[in-house]
């Protein structure tokens, strides 16, 4: 699942390449021999050279450079992080068979860490709750209850 904002403009591969080239042209060598770049200057130069294109903010130049530096293509699918090692179905099965089970019990039975089981249940919109034992209302309790409420209503 790619994390993209819907209002962000998607650029073509050639536009991303042009942005990176312009960003590279702003390279400046400092007195210690290190290189520095100016994303703001790159944004101005890009806008001057390409008046008919969408003009990206300077932050786009920074993200494009970072993407190329890390061996990724900008605008492409992002990594989903570390691969999951735990099977969600095992946790859900334990909860559906025994709704009163705890996360620690799931951890003991399955070996899945409590925090991972909790995250799995949260993403599936399972919410923890505590069971409360209540007294049963029997048939013989009906008459005294009616009498009690009748007295409360009349006073």
Protein backbone atom coordinates (compact mmCIF):
# COMPACT_ATOMS: atom_id res chain seq x y z
CA UNK A 1 0.00 0.00 0.00
CA UNK A 2 1.59 3.23 -1.10
CA UNK A 3 1.25 6.22 1.20
CA UNK A 4 0.30 8.99 -1.18
CA UNK A 5 -1.65 12.12 -0.58
CA UNK A 6 -4.40 12.57 -3.17
CA UNK A 7 -3.65 16.26 -3.77
CA UNK A 8 0.02 15.70 -4.68
CA UNK A 9 0.90 16.17 -8.34
CA UNK A 10 2.43 13.07 -9.93
CA UNK A 11 5.27 13.83 -12.28
CA UNK A 12 6.51 11.81 -15.22
CA UNK A 13 9.84 10.00 -15.18
CA UNK A 14 11.39 12.59 -17.49
CA UNK A 15 10.19 15.41 -15.23
CA UNK A 16 11.78 13.71 -12.23
CA UNK A 17 15.01 13.25 -14.20
CA UNK A 18 15.01 16.94 -15.20
CA UNK A 19 14.46 17.94 -11.57
CA UNK A 20 17.39 15.83 -10.47
CA UNK A 21 19.65 17.23 -13.19
CA UNK A 22 18.78 20.81 -12.25
CA UNK A 23 19.35 19.97 -8.59
CA UNK A 24 22.80 18.61 -9.52
CA UNK A 25 23.63 21.85 -11.35
CA UNK A 26 23.26 23.78 -8.09
CA UNK A 27 26.14 21.84 -6.53
CA UNK A 28 28.68 24.01 -4.82
CA UNK A 29 31.99 22.87 -3.32
CA UNK A 30 32.74 24.42 0.06
CA UNK A 31 36.18 25.19 1.52
CA UNK A 32 36.44 21.78 3.18
CA UNK A 33 35.85 19.94 -0.08
CA UNK A 34 32.28 18.91 0.70
CA UNK A 35 29.41 19.47 -1.70
CA UNK A 36 26.24 21.35 -0.93
CA UNK A 37 23.12 21.75 -3.01
CA UNK A 38 20.37 24.36 -3.07
CA UNK A 39 16.86 22.99 -3.55
CA UNK A 40 15.35 26.49 -3.58
CA UNK A 41 17.70 27.59 -6.36
CA UNK A 42 16.94 24.38 -8.26
CA UNK A 43 13.18 25.09 -8.01
CA UNK A 44 13.71 28.60 -9.44
CA UNK A 45 15.89 27.35 -12.32
CA UNK A 46 13.44 24.55 -13.13
CA UNK A 47 10.53 27.00 -13.25
CA UNK A 48 12.49 29.33 -15.56
CA UNK A 49 13.48 26.53 -17.96
CA UNK A 50 10.08 24.81 -17.99
CA UNK A 51 7.38 27.49 -17.93
CA UNK A 52 4.72 25.12 -19.33
CA UNK A 53 5.22 22.43 -16.70
CA UNK A 54 3.92 22.17 -13.16
CA UNK A 55 6.37 23.98 -10.89
CA UNK A 56 7.22 21.79 -7.89
CA UNK A 57 8.10 23.14 -4.48
CA UNK A 58 11.73 22.93 -3.39
CA UNK A 59 10.91 19.99 -1.09
CA UNK A 60 10.15 17.87 -4.14
CA UNK A 61 13.76 18.33 -5.30
CA UNK A 62 15.00 17.10 -1.93
CA UNK A 63 12.76 14.01 -2.06
CA UNK A 64 13.76 13.26 -5.67
CA UNK A 65 17.44 13.47 -4.78
CA UNK A 66 16.92 11.25 -1.72
CA UNK A 67 15.01 8.69 -3.78
CA UNK A 68 17.69 8.47 -6.46
CA UNK A 69 20.44 8.36 -3.81
CA UNK A 70 18.72 5.38 -2.15
CA UNK A 71 18.28 3.55 -5.45
CA UNK A 72 14.53 4.14 -5.68
CA UNK A 73 12.48 5.81 -8.35
CA UNK A 74 10.67 8.91 -7.11
CA UNK A 75 6.91 8.67 -7.20
CA UNK A 76 7.07 4.89 -7.29
CA UNK A 77 5.65 2.50 -4.72
CA UNK A 78 7.19 2.80 -1.31
CA UNK A 79 8.41 -0.02 0.79
CA UNK A 80 5.88 -1.34 3.27
CA UNK A 81 8.53 -1.72 5.93
CA UNK A 82 9.76 -4.92 7.43
CA UNK A 83 7.99 -8.05 6.28
CA UNK A 84 5.46 -9.42 8.74
CA UNK A 85 6.33 -12.67 10.40
CA UNK A 86 3.04 -13.29 12.15
CA UNK A 87 -0.12 -14.73 10.72
CA UNK A 88 -3.14 -12.56 11.49
CA UNK A 89 -5.49 -15.52 11.09
CA UNK A 90 -3.98 -17.33 14.09
CA UNK A 91 -4.67 -14.37 16.39
CA UNK A 92 -8.20 -13.87 15.05
CA UNK A 93 -8.94 -17.57 15.44
CA UNK A 94 -7.95 -17.46 19.12
CA UNK A 95 -10.16 -14.43 19.74
CA UNK A 96 -13.18 -15.84 17.90
CA UNK A 97 -13.00 -19.20 19.68
CA UNK A 98 -12.64 -17.57 23.09
CA UNK A 99 -13.64 -13.86 23.17
CA UNK A 100 -12.64 -13.57 26.82
CA UNK A 101 -9.02 -14.50 26.10
CA UNK A 102 -6.26 -12.04 26.93
CA UNK A 103 -3.34 -10.85 24.86
CA UNK A 104 -0.98 -12.58 27.24
CA UNK A 105 -2.82 -15.86 26.79
CA UNK A 106 -2.55 -15.46 23.01
CA UNK A 107 1.18 -14.82 23.44
CA UNK A 108 1.61 -17.97 25.55
CA UNK A 109 -0.37 -20.19 23.16
CA UNK A 110 0.97 -18.93 19.82
CA UNK A 111 4.38 -17.43 20.56
CA UNK A 112 3.30 -14.18 18.87
CA UNK A 113 4.41 -11.20 20.98
CA UNK A 114 1.66 -9.45 22.92
CA UNK A 115 2.34 -6.12 21.19
CA UNK A 116 2.09 -7.75 17.75
CA UNK A 117 -1.16 -9.49 18.66
CA UNK A 118 -2.52 -6.19 19.95
CA UNK A 119 -1.52 -4.39 16.72
CA UNK A 120 -3.14 -7.13 14.62
CA UNK A 121 -6.39 -6.86 16.56
CA UNK A 122 -6.36 -3.06 16.34
CA UNK A 123 -5.88 -3.07 12.56
CA UNK A 124 -8.80 -5.48 12.24
CA UNK A 125 -10.89 -3.18 14.49
CA UNK A 126 -11.21 -5.61 17.37
CA UNK A 127 -11.55 -3.73 20.63
CA UNK A 128 -10.68 -5.11 24.06
CA UNK A 129 -13.36 -5.29 26.68
CA UNK A 130 -13.79 -6.87 30.07
CA UNK A 131 -16.52 -9.35 30.77
CA UNK A 132 -18.66 -8.46 33.77
CA UNK A 133 -20.70 -11.06 35.57
CA UNK A 134 -24.23 -9.90 36.33
CA UNK A 135 -27.02 -11.44 38.29
CA UNK A 136 -29.76 -13.29 36.48
CA UNK A 137 -33.35 -12.08 36.64
CA UNK A 138 -35.59 -15.00 37.48
CA UNK A 139 -39.37 -15.32 37.04
CA UNK A 140 -39.95 -15.01 40.78
CA UNK A 141 -38.23 -11.56 40.72
CA UNK A 142 -40.88 -10.03 38.46
CA UNK A 143 -43.54 -9.24 41.11
CA UNK A 144 -41.17 -7.55 43.62
CA UNK A 145 -39.66 -5.45 40.82
CA UNK A 146 -43.06 -4.27 39.63
CA UNK A 147 -44.01 -3.40 43.21
CA UNK A 148 -40.75 -1.48 43.73
CA UNK A 149 -41.22 0.62 40.58
CA UNK A 150 -44.88 1.24 41.38
CA UNK A 151 -43.89 2.66 44.76
CA UNK A 152 -41.21 4.88 43.18
CA UNK A 153 -43.64 6.20 40.57
CA UNK A 154 -46.36 6.97 43.12
CA UNK A 155 -44.10 8.92 45.45
